[in-house]
């Protein structure tokens, strides 16, 4: 897992890159807002990071399920 903190021109963000359960590449963005202090980044890693990853995985699962349903309906 990798966290890159960067300024996008408006907000400070964190790009979380990780390997999914199937070995696939996954990434999600977390918006800190103002420039985070080191203690805020540590807090994010220890208290919030897993929730962000889990939420991203759930969103991807839902999107893939919806895409499969739509594909099957068009095909049938």
C-alpha atoms as a PDB file:
ATOM      1  CA  UNK A   1       0.000   0.000   0.000  1.00  0.00           C
ATOM      2  CA  UNK A   2       1.261   3.457  -0.835  1.00  0.00           C
ATOM      3  CA  UNK A   3       0.065   6.905   0.228  1.00  0.00           C
ATOM      4  CA  UNK A   4       1.142   9.971  -1.722  1.00  0.00           C
ATOM      5  CA  UNK A   5       0.162  13.373  -0.312  1.00  0.00           C
ATOM      6  CA  UNK A   6      -0.008  16.153  -2.908  1.00  0.00           C
ATOM      7  CA  UNK A   7      -1.529  19.570  -3.580  1.00  0.00           C
ATOM      8  CA  UNK A   8      -3.964  19.524  -6.503  1.00  0.00           C
ATOM      9  CA  UNK A   9      -4.063  23.305  -6.923  1.00  0.00           C
ATOM     10  CA  UNK A  10      -6.984  23.748  -4.545  1.00  0.00           C
ATOM     11  CA  UNK A  11      -6.798  21.068  -1.852  1.00  0.00           C
ATOM     12  CA  UNK A  12      -4.260  18.782  -0.231  1.00  0.00           C
ATOM     13  CA  UNK A  13      -5.078  15.201  -1.153  1.00  0.00           C
ATOM     14  CA  UNK A  14      -3.859  11.704  -0.505  1.00  0.00           C
ATOM     15  CA  UNK A  15      -3.621   9.149  -3.281  1.00  0.00           C
ATOM     16  CA  UNK A  16      -3.927   5.656  -1.821  1.00  0.00           C
ATOM     17  CA  UNK A  17      -2.638   2.894  -4.104  1.00  0.00           C
ATOM     18  CA  UNK A  18      -3.004  -0.750  -3.161  1.00  0.00           C
ATOM     19  CA  UNK A  19      -3.405  -4.275  -4.459  1.00  0.00           C
ATOM     20  CA  UNK A  20      -6.914  -5.695  -4.496  1.00  0.00           C
ATOM     21  CA  UNK A  21      -7.822  -9.220  -3.401  1.00  0.00           C
ATOM     22  CA  UNK A  22      -7.502 -10.491  -6.975  1.00  0.00           C
ATOM     23  CA  UNK A  23      -4.054  -8.944  -7.378  1.00  0.00           C
ATOM     24  CA  UNK A  24      -5.440  -6.003  -9.341  1.00  0.00           C
ATOM     25  CA  UNK A  25      -4.259  -2.388  -8.998  1.00  0.00           C
ATOM     26  CA  UNK A  26      -6.600  -0.108  -7.081  1.00  0.00           C
ATOM     27  CA  UNK A  27      -6.410   3.539  -6.132  1.00  0.00           C
ATOM     28  CA  UNK A  28      -8.570   6.079  -4.368  1.00  0.00           C
ATOM     29  CA  UNK A  29      -8.288   9.742  -3.463  1.00  0.00           C
ATOM     30  CA  UNK A  30      -8.769  11.228  -0.004  1.00  0.00           C
ATOM     31  CA  UNK A  31      -9.143  15.006   0.392  1.00  0.00           C
ATOM     32  CA  UNK A  32      -7.430  16.471   3.463  1.00  0.00           C
ATOM     33  CA  UNK A  33      -8.390  20.056   2.605  1.00  0.00           C
ATOM     34  CA  UNK A  34      -5.791  22.323   4.164  1.00  0.00           C
ATOM     35  CA  UNK A  35      -2.157  21.227   4.284  1.00  0.00           C
ATOM     36  CA  UNK A  36      -2.040  18.326   6.739  1.00  0.00           C
ATOM     37  CA  UNK A  37       0.513  18.199   9.527  1.00  0.00           C
ATOM     38  CA  UNK A  38       2.517  15.016  10.024  1.00  0.00           C
ATOM     39  CA  UNK A  39       0.342  14.134  13.010  1.00  0.00           C
ATOM     40  CA  UNK A  40      -2.805  14.426  10.846  1.00  0.00           C
ATOM     41  CA  UNK A  41      -1.298  12.121   8.220  1.00  0.00           C
ATOM     42  CA  UNK A  42      -0.353   9.595  10.920  1.00  0.00           C
ATOM     43  CA  UNK A  43      -3.882   9.783  12.324  1.00  0.00           C
ATOM     44  CA  UNK A  44      -5.299   9.175   8.850  1.00  0.00           C
ATOM     45  CA  UNK A  45      -3.051   6.136   8.330  1.00  0.00           C
ATOM     46  CA  UNK A  46      -3.842   4.603  11.715  1.00  0.00           C
ATOM     47  CA  UNK A  47      -7.537   5.475  12.065  1.00  0.00           C
ATOM     48  CA  UNK A  48      -9.110   6.192   8.675  1.00  0.00           C
ATOM     49  CA  UNK A  49      -7.096   4.560   5.915  1.00  0.00           C
ATOM     50  CA  UNK A  50      -8.668   1.101   6.171  1.00  0.00           C
ATOM     51  CA  UNK A  51     -12.171   2.610   6.079  1.00  0.00           C
ATOM     52  CA  UNK A  52     -11.271   4.569   2.927  1.00  0.00           C
ATOM     53  CA  UNK A  53      -9.932   1.408   1.256  1.00  0.00           C
ATOM     54  CA  UNK A  54     -12.986  -0.630   2.310  1.00  0.00           C
ATOM     55  CA  UNK A  55     -15.353   2.039   0.988  1.00  0.00           C
ATOM     56  CA  UNK A  56     -13.483   2.150  -2.317  1.00  0.00           C
ATOM     57  CA  UNK A  57     -13.661  -1.646  -2.610  1.00  0.00           C
ATOM     58  CA  UNK A  58     -17.413  -1.567  -1.922  1.00  0.00           C
ATOM     59  CA  UNK A  59     -17.905   1.134  -4.577  1.00  0.00           C
ATOM     60  CA  UNK A  60     -15.921  -0.898  -7.106  1.00  0.00           C
ATOM     61  CA  UNK A  61     -17.878  -4.054  -6.260  1.00  0.00           C
ATOM     62  CA  UNK A  62     -21.189  -2.219  -6.687  1.00  0.00           C
ATOM     63  CA  UNK A  63     -20.102  -0.671 -10.006  1.00  0.00           C
ATOM     64  CA  UNK A  64     -18.927  -4.052 -11.316  1.00  0.00           C
ATOM     65  CA  UNK A  65     -22.187  -5.719 -10.247  1.00  0.00           C
ATOM     66  CA  UNK A  66     -24.230  -3.015 -11.960  1.00  0.00           C
ATOM     67  CA  UNK A  67     -22.106  -3.230 -15.111  1.00  0.00           C
ATOM     68  CA  UNK A  68     -22.557  -7.011 -15.262  1.00  0.00           C
ATOM     69  CA  UNK A  69     -26.334  -6.730 -14.836  1.00  0.00           C
ATOM     70  CA  UNK A  70     -26.610  -4.082 -17.535  1.00  0.00           C
ATOM     71  CA  UNK A  71     -24.441  -6.145 -19.880  1.00  0.00           C
ATOM     72  CA  UNK A  72     -26.543  -9.253 -19.382  1.00  0.00           C
ATOM     73  CA  UNK A  73     -29.795  -7.338 -19.985  1.00  0.00           C
ATOM     74  CA  UNK A  74     -28.521  -5.888 -23.252  1.00  0.00           C
ATOM     75  CA  UNK A  75     -27.256  -9.262 -24.396  1.00  0.00           C
ATOM     76  CA  UNK A  76     -30.476 -11.164 -23.631  1.00  0.00           C
END
